[in-house]
Amino acid sequence: MNRHNHSKTGKYLKDAVYGANDGIVTTFAVIAGVAGAALSPVVVIILGIANLLADGFSMAASNFLSSRSERDFYMRERATREWETENPKPIRSAAITFFSFVAAGFLPVVPYLWNSSDDTAFAWSTAAAGVSFFAVGALRTLITAKPWLWSGFEMLVVGGFASGIAYLTGYFIRMLVG
């Protein structure tokens, strides 16, 4: 990959990784919270997909607005051409964030669509989330100097902690309210 293509890919990798990671974390956190609370698998599907679309849109819109604000500030303070060659377009960043969020975040919901049995669906969902965390982390090495194994493991650990917090929250709330 030549330097120009590498740089062009790198412009949007942040948006893709951020969207994909947050899509997996928030969607699987909903699934883990529902599983910890021992609620119906139908609740997982409803909350998982509602979260996926609403939070994906929210992240994309926030990315768009923050990118646009940063661009506007930079353009006011410095040369416009320099900004445009070094930074991604806000609408493209937003679109990449949204599609990465939805695509990666949908993976932990899939087992519930195939088999809504509490035990097996949650186990398969956990496996899908874990593999997704690792894969997205490993893909970061397309533009970083870190080893793919370390990058994958790093994202798996962060996602695992977030998911564990959600599961335990659902579990403890169920214990408190019955």
N, C-alpha and C. Protein backbone atom coordinates (compact mmCIF):
# COMPACT_ATOMS: atom_id res chain seq x y z
N MET A 1 0.85 -1.17 0.00
CA MET A 1 0.00 0.00 0.00
C MET A 1 0.90 1.23 0.00
N ASN A 2 0.67 2.12 -0.96
CA ASN A 2 1.51 3.31 -0.98
C ASN A 2 1.08 4.28 0.11
N ARG A 3 1.93 5.28 0.33
CA ARG A 3 1.71 6.22 1.43
C ARG A 3 0.39 6.97 1.30
N HIS A 4 0.02 7.35 0.08
CA HIS A 4 -1.21 8.10 -0.14
C HIS A 4 -2.44 7.26 0.24
N ASN A 5 -2.49 6.02 -0.23
CA ASN A 5 -3.63 5.15 0.10
C ASN A 5 -3.66 4.83 1.58
N HIS A 6 -2.49 4.62 2.18
CA HIS A 6 -2.40 4.34 3.61
C HIS A 6 -2.95 5.53 4.40
N SER A 7 -2.58 6.73 3.99
CA SER A 7 -3.06 7.94 4.66
C SER A 7 -4.56 8.10 4.49
N LYS A 8 -5.06 7.82 3.28
CA LYS A 8 -6.49 7.94 3.01
C LYS A 8 -7.29 6.95 3.86
N THR A 9 -6.79 5.71 3.97
CA THR A 9 -7.44 4.70 4.80
C THR A 9 -7.42 5.13 6.26
N GLY A 10 -6.30 5.67 6.69
CA GLY A 10 -6.14 6.08 8.08
C GLY A 10 -7.09 7.19 8.48
N LYS A 11 -7.49 8.03 7.53
CA LYS A 11 -8.41 9.13 7.84
C LYS A 11 -9.71 8.61 8.45
N TYR A 12 -10.19 7.49 7.93
CA TYR A 12 -11.49 6.98 8.34
C TYR A 12 -11.42 5.78 9.28
N LEU A 13 -10.23 5.27 9.52
CA LEU A 13 -10.10 4.12 10.40
C LEU A 13 -10.58 4.45 11.81
N LYS A 14 -10.27 5.65 12.28
CA LYS A 14 -10.72 6.06 13.62
C LYS A 14 -12.24 5.97 13.71
N ASP A 15 -12.92 6.46 12.69
CA ASP A 15 -14.39 6.42 12.69
C ASP A 15 -14.91 4.99 12.64
N ALA A 16 -14.26 4.15 11.84
CA ALA A 16 -14.70 2.76 11.72
C ALA A 16 -14.46 1.99 13.02
N VAL A 17 -13.28 2.15 13.60
CA VAL A 17 -12.97 1.44 14.84
C VAL A 17 -13.85 1.94 15.98
N TYR A 18 -13.99 3.24 16.08
CA TYR A 18 -14.82 3.83 17.13
C TYR A 18 -16.27 3.36 17.00
N GLY A 19 -16.80 3.43 15.78
CA GLY A 19 -18.18 2.99 15.56
C GLY A 19 -18.36 1.51 15.84
N ALA A 20 -17.46 0.69 15.30
CA ALA A 20 -17.58 -0.76 15.49
C ALA A 20 -17.44 -1.14 16.96
N ASN A 21 -16.44 -0.60 17.62
CA ASN A 21 -16.23 -0.93 19.03
C ASN A 21 -17.43 -0.51 19.88
N ASP A 22 -17.91 0.70 19.67
CA ASP A 22 -19.04 1.16 20.47
C ASP A 22 -20.31 0.39 20.12
N GLY A 23 -20.46 0.00 18.86
CA GLY A 23 -21.61 -0.80 18.47
C GLY A 23 -21.63 -2.14 19.19
N ILE A 24 -20.47 -2.77 19.25
CA ILE A 24 -20.39 -4.06 19.95
C ILE A 24 -20.60 -3.86 21.44
N VAL A 25 -19.91 -2.88 22.02
CA VAL A 25 -19.99 -2.65 23.47
C VAL A 25 -21.42 -2.34 23.88
N THR A 26 -22.04 -1.36 23.26
CA THR A 26 -23.36 -0.95 23.73
C THR A 26 -24.42 -2.01 23.45
N THR A 27 -24.36 -2.64 22.30
CA THR A 27 -25.36 -3.66 22.00
C THR A 27 -25.17 -4.88 22.89
N PHE A 28 -23.94 -5.33 23.05
CA PHE A 28 -23.73 -6.48 23.91
C PHE A 28 -23.97 -6.14 25.37
N ALA A 29 -23.73 -4.89 25.75
CA ALA A 29 -24.04 -4.48 27.12
C ALA A 29 -25.54 -4.59 27.39
N VAL A 30 -26.36 -4.21 26.41
CA VAL A 30 -27.81 -4.37 26.55
C VAL A 30 -28.14 -5.86 26.69
N ILE A 31 -27.56 -6.68 25.84
CA ILE A 31 -27.81 -8.13 25.89
C ILE A 31 -27.35 -8.70 27.23
N ALA A 32 -26.16 -8.32 27.69
CA ALA A 32 -25.64 -8.85 28.95
C ALA A 32 -26.49 -8.38 30.14
N GLY A 33 -26.93 -7.13 30.10
CA GLY A 33 -27.80 -6.63 31.17
C GLY A 33 -29.11 -7.37 31.24
N VAL A 34 -29.69 -7.63 30.07
CA VAL A 34 -30.95 -8.38 30.01
C VAL A 34 -30.74 -9.81 30.47
N ALA A 35 -29.62 -10.42 30.06
CA ALA A 35 -29.32 -11.79 30.49
C ALA A 35 -29.09 -11.83 32.00
N GLY A 36 -28.36 -10.85 32.52
CA GLY A 36 -28.12 -10.80 33.97
C GLY A 36 -29.40 -10.65 34.76
N ALA A 37 -30.36 -9.93 34.18
CA ALA A 37 -31.65 -9.74 34.84
C ALA A 37 -32.60 -10.90 34.57
N ALA A 38 -32.16 -11.85 33.76
CA ALA A 38 -32.96 -13.04 33.41
C ALA A 38 -34.30 -12.67 32.76
N LEU A 39 -34.27 -11.68 31.87
CA LEU A 39 -35.47 -11.28 31.14
C LEU A 39 -35.62 -12.14 29.88
N SER A 40 -36.76 -12.03 29.25
CA SER A 40 -37.07 -12.80 28.06
C SER A 40 -36.12 -12.48 26.91
N PRO A 41 -35.77 -13.50 26.11
CA PRO A 41 -34.94 -13.26 24.94
C PRO A 41 -35.57 -12.28 23.93
N VAL A 42 -36.89 -12.20 23.92
CA VAL A 42 -37.56 -11.24 23.04
C VAL A 42 -37.17 -9.81 23.43
N VAL A 43 -36.96 -9.59 24.73
CA VAL A 43 -36.53 -8.28 25.22
C VAL A 43 -35.14 -7.96 24.65
N VAL A 44 -34.28 -8.98 24.56
CA VAL A 44 -32.95 -8.78 23.98
C VAL A 44 -33.08 -8.29 22.54
N ILE A 45 -33.91 -8.93 21.77
CA ILE A 45 -34.07 -8.56 20.36
C ILE A 45 -34.61 -7.14 20.23
N ILE A 46 -35.64 -6.84 21.00
CA ILE A 46 -36.25 -5.50 20.92
C ILE A 46 -35.27 -4.42 21.36
N LEU A 47 -34.70 -4.59 22.55
CA LEU A 47 -33.77 -3.58 23.06
C LEU A 47 -32.47 -3.54 22.26
N GLY A 48 -32.00 -4.70 21.84
CA GLY A 48 -30.76 -4.76 21.07
C GLY A 48 -30.87 -4.01 19.75
N ILE A 49 -31.94 -4.25 19.00
CA ILE A 49 -32.10 -3.59 17.71
C ILE A 49 -32.46 -2.11 17.88
N ALA A 50 -33.30 -1.80 18.87
CA ALA A 50 -33.63 -0.38 19.13
C ALA A 50 -32.37 0.39 19.50
N ASN A 51 -31.55 -0.19 20.37
CA ASN A 51 -30.29 0.45 20.76
C ASN A 51 -29.37 0.59 19.56
N LEU A 52 -29.29 -0.44 18.76
CA LEU A 52 -28.40 -0.44 17.60
C LEU A 52 -28.70 0.73 16.67
N LEU A 53 -29.95 0.92 16.35
CA LEU A 53 -30.31 1.98 15.41
C LEU A 53 -30.26 3.37 16.05
N ALA A 54 -30.81 3.50 17.25
CA ALA A 54 -30.84 4.82 17.89
C ALA A 54 -29.44 5.28 18.29
N ASP A 55 -28.67 4.41 18.91
CA ASP A 55 -27.33 4.79 19.34
C ASP A 55 -26.40 4.95 18.15
N GLY A 56 -26.58 4.12 17.12
CA GLY A 56 -25.78 4.27 15.90
C GLY A 56 -26.01 5.62 15.25
N PHE A 57 -27.28 6.03 15.17
CA PHE A 57 -27.59 7.35 14.63
C PHE A 57 -27.02 8.45 15.50
N SER A 58 -27.19 8.32 16.80
CA SER A 58 -26.68 9.32 17.73
C SER A 58 -25.16 9.49 17.60
N MET A 59 -24.45 8.38 17.53
CA MET A 59 -22.99 8.46 17.37
C MET A 59 -22.61 9.10 16.05
N ALA A 60 -23.30 8.72 14.98
CA ALA A 60 -22.99 9.30 13.66
C ALA A 60 -23.26 10.79 13.65
N ALA A 61 -24.40 11.20 14.21
CA ALA A 61 -24.74 12.62 14.25
C ALA A 61 -23.74 13.39 15.12
N SER A 62 -23.35 12.81 16.24
CA SER A 62 -22.36 13.46 17.11
C SER A 62 -21.01 13.56 16.41
N ASN A 63 -20.63 12.51 15.70
CA ASN A 63 -19.38 12.54 14.95
C ASN A 63 -19.44 13.64 13.90
N PHE A 64 -20.55 13.72 13.18
CA PHE A 64 -20.72 14.75 12.15
C PHE A 64 -20.60 16.15 12.75
N LEU A 65 -21.33 16.39 13.82
CA LEU A 65 -21.32 17.72 14.43
C LEU A 65 -19.96 18.09 15.01
N SER A 66 -19.31 17.14 15.67
CA SER A 66 -17.99 17.45 16.24
C SER A 66 -16.95 17.64 15.14
N SER A 67 -17.00 16.82 14.09
CA SER A 67 -16.06 16.98 12.97
C SER A 67 -16.27 18.30 12.27
N ARG A 68 -17.52 18.65 12.09
CA ARG A 68 -17.83 19.92 11.43
C ARG A 68 -17.38 21.10 12.30
N SER A 69 -17.60 21.03 13.60
CA SER A 69 -17.16 22.09 14.50
C SER A 69 -15.65 22.23 14.48
N GLU A 70 -14.96 21.10 14.52
CA GLU A 70 -13.50 21.12 14.47
C GLU A 70 -13.02 21.73 13.16
N ARG A 71 -13.64 21.33 12.06
CA ARG A 71 -13.29 21.87 10.74
C ARG A 71 -13.52 23.37 10.69
N ASP A 72 -14.68 23.81 11.17
CA ASP A 72 -15.01 25.23 11.13
C ASP A 72 -14.02 26.05 11.97
N PHE A 73 -13.66 25.54 13.13
CA PHE A 73 -12.69 26.23 13.97
C PHE A 73 -11.34 26.31 13.25
N TYR A 74 -10.92 25.17 12.74
CA TYR A 74 -9.63 25.12 12.07
C TYR A 74 -9.60 26.06 10.86
N MET A 75 -10.68 26.07 10.09
CA MET A 75 -10.74 26.91 8.89
C MET A 75 -10.74 28.39 9.26
N ARG A 76 -11.31 28.71 10.39
CA ARG A 76 -11.30 30.09 10.84
C ARG A 76 -9.91 30.52 11.27
N GLU A 77 -9.18 29.59 11.86
CA GLU A 77 -7.87 29.90 12.41
C GLU A 77 -6.71 29.68 11.43
N ARG A 78 -6.88 28.75 10.50
CA ARG A 78 -5.75 28.39 9.62
C ARG A 78 -6.22 28.23 8.17
N ALA A 79 -5.34 27.71 7.37
CA ALA A 79 -5.63 27.54 5.94
C ALA A 79 -6.62 26.41 5.70
N THR A 80 -7.61 26.68 4.85
CA THR A 80 -8.64 25.70 4.51
C THR A 80 -8.04 24.49 3.81
N ARG A 81 -7.17 24.69 2.86
CA ARG A 81 -6.60 23.60 2.07
C ARG A 81 -5.87 22.59 2.96
N GLU A 82 -5.14 23.06 3.95
CA GLU A 82 -4.43 22.17 4.85
C GLU A 82 -5.40 21.26 5.59
N TRP A 83 -6.51 21.81 6.05
CA TRP A 83 -7.52 21.00 6.75
C TRP A 83 -8.08 19.92 5.84
N GLU A 84 -8.47 20.30 4.65
CA GLU A 84 -9.13 19.38 3.73
C GLU A 84 -8.24 18.23 3.29
N THR A 85 -6.94 18.45 3.19
CA THR A 85 -6.06 17.37 2.77
C THR A 85 -5.71 16.44 3.92
N GLU A 86 -5.78 16.91 5.15
CA GLU A 86 -5.38 16.09 6.30
C GLU A 86 -6.54 15.44 7.05
N ASN A 87 -7.76 15.90 6.84
CA ASN A 87 -8.87 15.42 7.66
C ASN A 87 -10.03 14.93 6.80
N PRO A 88 -10.78 13.98 7.34
CA PRO A 88 -11.92 13.44 6.60
C PRO A 88 -13.09 14.41 6.51
N LYS A 89 -13.95 14.15 5.55
CA LYS A 89 -15.17 14.95 5.41
C LYS A 89 -16.15 14.54 6.52
N PRO A 90 -16.79 15.51 7.20
CA PRO A 90 -17.68 15.18 8.32
C PRO A 90 -18.80 14.21 7.96
N ILE A 91 -19.42 14.37 6.80
CA ILE A 91 -20.54 13.49 6.44
C ILE A 91 -20.05 12.06 6.19
N ARG A 92 -18.87 11.94 5.60
CA ARG A 92 -18.30 10.61 5.35
C ARG A 92 -17.90 9.96 6.68
N SER A 93 -17.33 10.74 7.59
CA SER A 93 -16.98 10.22 8.91
C SER A 93 -18.22 9.73 9.65
N ALA A 94 -19.29 10.50 9.56
CA ALA A 94 -20.55 10.12 10.21
C ALA A 94 -21.11 8.84 9.62
N ALA A 95 -21.08 8.73 8.30
CA ALA A 95 -21.61 7.54 7.64
C ALA A 95 -20.79 6.30 8.02
N ILE A 96 -19.49 6.43 8.04
CA ILE A 96 -18.63 5.30 8.41
C ILE A 96 -18.87 4.91 9.86
N THR A 97 -19.01 5.89 10.74
CA THR A 97 -19.31 5.60 12.14
C THR A 97 -20.63 4.83 12.26
N PHE A 98 -21.67 5.31 11.58
CA PHE A 98 -22.98 4.67 11.65
C PHE A 98 -22.93 3.23 11.13
N PHE A 99 -22.40 3.05 9.93
CA PHE A 99 -22.41 1.71 9.34
C PHE A 99 -21.51 0.74 10.10
N SER A 100 -20.40 1.22 10.62
CA SER A 100 -19.53 0.36 11.44
C SER A 100 -20.23 -0.03 12.73
N PHE A 101 -20.90 0.94 13.35
CA PHE A 101 -21.64 0.71 14.59
C PHE A 101 -22.71 -0.36 14.37
N VAL A 102 -23.53 -0.17 13.34
CA VAL A 102 -24.64 -1.09 13.09
C VAL A 102 -24.15 -2.48 12.67
N ALA A 103 -23.18 -2.52 11.77
CA ALA A 103 -22.69 -3.82 11.28
C ALA A 103 -22.05 -4.64 12.41
N ALA A 104 -21.15 -4.02 13.15
CA ALA A 104 -20.47 -4.76 14.22
C ALA A 104 -21.42 -5.00 15.40
N GLY A 105 -22.24 -4.03 15.71
CA GLY A 105 -23.16 -4.17 16.84
C GLY A 105 -24.27 -5.18 16.60
N PHE A 106 -24.57 -5.46 15.35
CA PHE A 106 -25.63 -6.42 15.03
C PHE A 106 -25.20 -7.86 15.33
N LEU A 107 -23.89 -8.12 15.27
CA LEU A 107 -23.40 -9.49 15.44
C LEU A 107 -23.83 -10.16 16.75
N PRO A 108 -23.78 -9.47 17.91
CA PRO A 108 -24.23 -10.13 19.14
C PRO A 108 -25.75 -10.37 19.21
N VAL A 109 -26.52 -9.71 18.35
CA VAL A 109 -27.97 -9.90 18.33
C VAL A 109 -28.35 -11.14 17.51
N VAL A 110 -27.54 -11.46 16.51
CA VAL A 110 -27.85 -12.55 15.57
C VAL A 110 -28.21 -13.87 16.26
N PRO A 111 -27.47 -14.33 17.27
CA PRO A 111 -27.84 -15.60 17.91
C PRO A 111 -29.27 -15.61 18.47
N TYR A 112 -29.75 -14.46 18.90
CA TYR A 112 -31.12 -14.39 19.43
C TYR A 112 -32.15 -14.46 18.31
N LEU A 113 -31.78 -14.05 17.13
CA LEU A 113 -32.69 -14.15 15.99
C LEU A 113 -32.78 -15.59 15.49
N TRP A 114 -31.68 -16.34 15.60
CA TRP A 114 -31.66 -17.73 15.17
C TRP A 114 -32.26 -18.67 16.20
N ASN A 115 -31.95 -18.42 17.46
CA ASN A 115 -32.39 -19.32 18.52
C ASN A 115 -32.59 -18.49 19.79
N SER A 116 -33.82 -18.34 20.19
CA SER A 116 -34.09 -17.48 21.34
C SER A 116 -34.04 -18.22 22.68
N SER A 117 -33.45 -19.40 22.71
CA SER A 117 -33.26 -20.12 23.97
C SER A 117 -32.29 -19.34 24.84
N ASP A 118 -32.69 -19.05 26.07
CA ASP A 118 -31.89 -18.22 26.97
C ASP A 118 -30.43 -18.63 27.05
N ASP A 119 -30.18 -19.89 27.37
CA ASP A 119 -28.82 -20.35 27.64
C ASP A 119 -27.94 -20.32 26.39
N THR A 120 -28.38 -20.95 25.33
CA THR A 120 -27.52 -21.04 24.17
C THR A 120 -27.39 -19.71 23.44
N ALA A 121 -28.45 -18.94 23.37
CA ALA A 121 -28.38 -17.66 22.66
C ALA A 121 -27.39 -16.73 23.34
N PHE A 122 -27.41 -16.65 24.66
CA PHE A 122 -26.49 -15.77 25.36
C PHE A 122 -25.05 -16.26 25.19
N ALA A 123 -24.84 -17.55 25.23
CA ALA A 123 -23.49 -18.10 25.05
C ALA A 123 -22.97 -17.76 23.65
N TRP A 124 -23.82 -17.95 22.63
CA TRP A 124 -23.40 -17.63 21.25
C TRP A 124 -23.21 -16.13 21.07
N SER A 125 -24.05 -15.35 21.72
CA SER A 125 -23.92 -13.90 21.65
C SER A 125 -22.61 -13.44 22.29
N THR A 126 -22.26 -14.05 23.40
CA THR A 126 -21.00 -13.74 24.08
C THR A 126 -19.82 -14.08 23.17
N ALA A 127 -19.89 -15.24 22.53
CA ALA A 127 -18.81 -15.64 21.61
C ALA A 127 -18.73 -14.67 20.43
N ALA A 128 -19.89 -14.29 19.87
CA ALA A 128 -19.89 -13.35 18.74
C ALA A 128 -19.30 -12.01 19.14
N ALA A 129 -19.66 -11.53 20.33
CA ALA A 129 -19.11 -10.25 20.80
C ALA A 129 -17.61 -10.37 21.01
N GLY A 130 -17.16 -11.45 21.62
CA GLY A 130 -15.73 -11.63 21.87
C GLY A 130 -14.92 -11.68 20.59
N VAL A 131 -15.38 -12.45 19.62
CA VAL A 131 -14.69 -12.54 18.33
C VAL A 131 -14.70 -11.18 17.64
N SER A 132 -15.83 -10.48 17.71
CA SER A 132 -15.94 -9.17 17.09
C SER A 132 -15.00 -8.16 17.73
N PHE A 133 -14.95 -8.14 19.07
CA PHE A 133 -14.02 -7.24 19.76
C PHE A 133 -12.59 -7.50 19.29
N PHE A 134 -12.21 -8.77 19.28
CA PHE A 134 -10.85 -9.12 18.91
C PHE A 134 -10.56 -8.73 17.46
N ALA A 135 -11.49 -9.03 16.56
CA ALA A 135 -11.28 -8.74 15.14
C ALA A 135 -11.16 -7.24 14.88
N VAL A 136 -12.03 -6.44 15.48
CA VAL A 136 -11.96 -4.99 15.29
C VAL A 136 -10.65 -4.46 15.86
N GLY A 137 -10.25 -4.96 17.02
CA GLY A 137 -8.98 -4.54 17.60
C GLY A 137 -7.81 -4.91 16.71
N ALA A 138 -7.82 -6.12 16.18
CA ALA A 138 -6.73 -6.56 15.31
C ALA A 138 -6.68 -5.75 14.02
N LEU A 139 -7.82 -5.32 13.52
CA LEU A 139 -7.85 -4.52 12.29
C LEU A 139 -7.22 -3.14 12.47
N ARG A 140 -7.14 -2.69 13.71
CA ARG A 140 -6.49 -1.40 13.96
C ARG A 140 -5.05 -1.40 13.47
N THR A 141 -4.45 -2.57 13.39
CA THR A 141 -3.05 -2.64 12.98
C THR A 141 -2.84 -2.30 11.51
N LEU A 142 -3.92 -2.08 10.78
CA LEU A 142 -3.77 -1.65 9.39
C LEU A 142 -3.02 -0.33 9.29
N ILE A 143 -3.11 0.50 10.32
CA ILE A 143 -2.39 1.77 10.28
C ILE A 143 -1.57 2.03 11.54
N THR A 144 -1.48 1.07 12.44
CA THR A 144 -0.67 1.28 13.63
C THR A 144 0.53 0.34 13.59
N ALA A 145 1.45 0.56 14.47
CA ALA A 145 2.66 -0.27 14.52
C ALA A 145 2.53 -1.39 15.55
N LYS A 146 1.40 -1.47 16.24
CA LYS A 146 1.24 -2.49 17.28
C LYS A 146 0.96 -3.85 16.65
N PRO A 147 1.38 -4.93 17.31
CA PRO A 147 1.08 -6.27 16.81
C PRO A 147 -0.43 -6.54 16.85
N TRP A 148 -0.93 -7.26 15.85
CA TRP A 148 -2.37 -7.51 15.74
C TRP A 148 -2.89 -8.30 16.93
N LEU A 149 -2.09 -9.21 17.47
CA LEU A 149 -2.53 -10.01 18.62
C LEU A 149 -2.76 -9.11 19.84
N TRP A 150 -1.85 -8.18 20.08
CA TRP A 150 -1.98 -7.27 21.21
C TRP A 150 -3.19 -6.35 21.01
N SER A 151 -3.33 -5.79 19.82
CA SER A 151 -4.44 -4.87 19.55
C SER A 151 -5.78 -5.57 19.70
N GLY A 152 -5.87 -6.80 19.22
CA GLY A 152 -7.10 -7.56 19.37
C GLY A 152 -7.41 -7.87 20.82
N PHE A 153 -6.40 -8.30 21.54
CA PHE A 153 -6.57 -8.62 22.96
C PHE A 153 -6.97 -7.39 23.77
N GLU A 154 -6.34 -6.27 23.47
CA GLU A 154 -6.63 -5.02 24.18
C GLU A 154 -8.11 -4.64 24.05
N MET A 155 -8.64 -4.73 22.83
CA MET A 155 -10.05 -4.37 22.64
C MET A 155 -10.97 -5.43 23.26
N LEU A 156 -10.56 -6.68 23.22
CA LEU A 156 -11.35 -7.75 23.85
C LEU A 156 -11.47 -7.51 25.36
N VAL A 157 -10.40 -7.12 26.00
CA VAL A 157 -10.41 -6.88 27.44
C VAL A 157 -11.31 -5.68 27.78
N VAL A 158 -11.16 -4.59 27.05
CA VAL A 158 -11.98 -3.40 27.31
C VAL A 158 -13.47 -3.74 27.11
N GLY A 159 -13.80 -4.39 26.02
CA GLY A 159 -15.19 -4.78 25.76
C GLY A 159 -15.71 -5.77 26.79
N GLY A 160 -14.83 -6.67 27.23
CA GLY A 160 -15.22 -7.64 28.25
C GLY A 160 -15.56 -6.99 29.57
N PHE A 161 -14.78 -6.00 29.96
CA PHE A 161 -15.08 -5.28 31.21
C PHE A 161 -16.40 -4.54 31.11
N ALA A 162 -16.62 -3.84 30.01
CA ALA A 162 -17.87 -3.11 29.84
C ALA A 162 -19.07 -4.06 29.87
N SER A 163 -18.95 -5.19 29.21
CA SER A 163 -20.03 -6.17 29.18
C SER A 163 -20.26 -6.80 30.55
N GLY A 164 -19.17 -7.05 31.26
CA GLY A 164 -19.29 -7.59 32.62
C GLY A 164 -20.01 -6.64 33.55
N ILE A 165 -19.72 -5.36 33.42
CA ILE A 165 -20.41 -4.34 34.23
C ILE A 165 -21.91 -4.38 33.95
N ALA A 166 -22.27 -4.47 32.68
CA ALA A 166 -23.70 -4.50 32.31
C ALA A 166 -24.38 -5.76 32.84
N TYR A 167 -23.72 -6.91 32.72
CA TYR A 167 -24.30 -8.16 33.21
C TYR A 167 -24.53 -8.09 34.72
N LEU A 168 -23.50 -7.66 35.44
CA LEU A 168 -23.62 -7.58 36.89
C LEU A 168 -24.67 -6.55 37.33
N THR A 169 -24.79 -5.46 36.59
CA THR A 169 -25.83 -4.48 36.89
C THR A 169 -27.21 -5.10 36.76
N GLY A 170 -27.44 -5.80 35.64
CA GLY A 170 -28.73 -6.48 35.45
C GLY A 170 -28.99 -7.51 36.54
N TYR A 171 -27.97 -8.26 36.89
CA TYR A 171 -28.08 -9.29 37.92
C TYR A 171 -28.43 -8.68 39.28
N PHE A 172 -27.70 -7.64 39.67
CA PHE A 172 -27.94 -7.03 40.99
C PHE A 172 -29.29 -6.30 41.05
N ILE A 173 -29.69 -5.67 39.99
CA ILE A 173 -31.00 -5.03 39.97
C ILE A 173 -32.12 -6.07 40.09
N ARG A 174 -31.94 -7.19 39.40
CA ARG A 174 -32.93 -8.28 39.52
C ARG A 174 -32.99 -8.77 40.96
N MET A 175 -31.84 -8.87 41.63
CA MET A 175 -31.81 -9.32 43.02
C MET A 175 -32.48 -8.28 43.94
N LEU A 176 -32.30 -7.01 43.65
CA LEU A 176 -32.88 -5.96 44.49
C LEU A 176 -34.39 -5.85 44.35
N VAL A 177 -34.86 -5.93 43.13
CA VAL A 177 -36.30 -5.73 42.90
C VAL A 177 -37.08 -7.02 42.74
N GLY A 178 -36.37 -8.12 42.65
CA GLY A 178 -37.04 -9.42 42.57
C GLY A 178 -37.44 -9.71 41.18
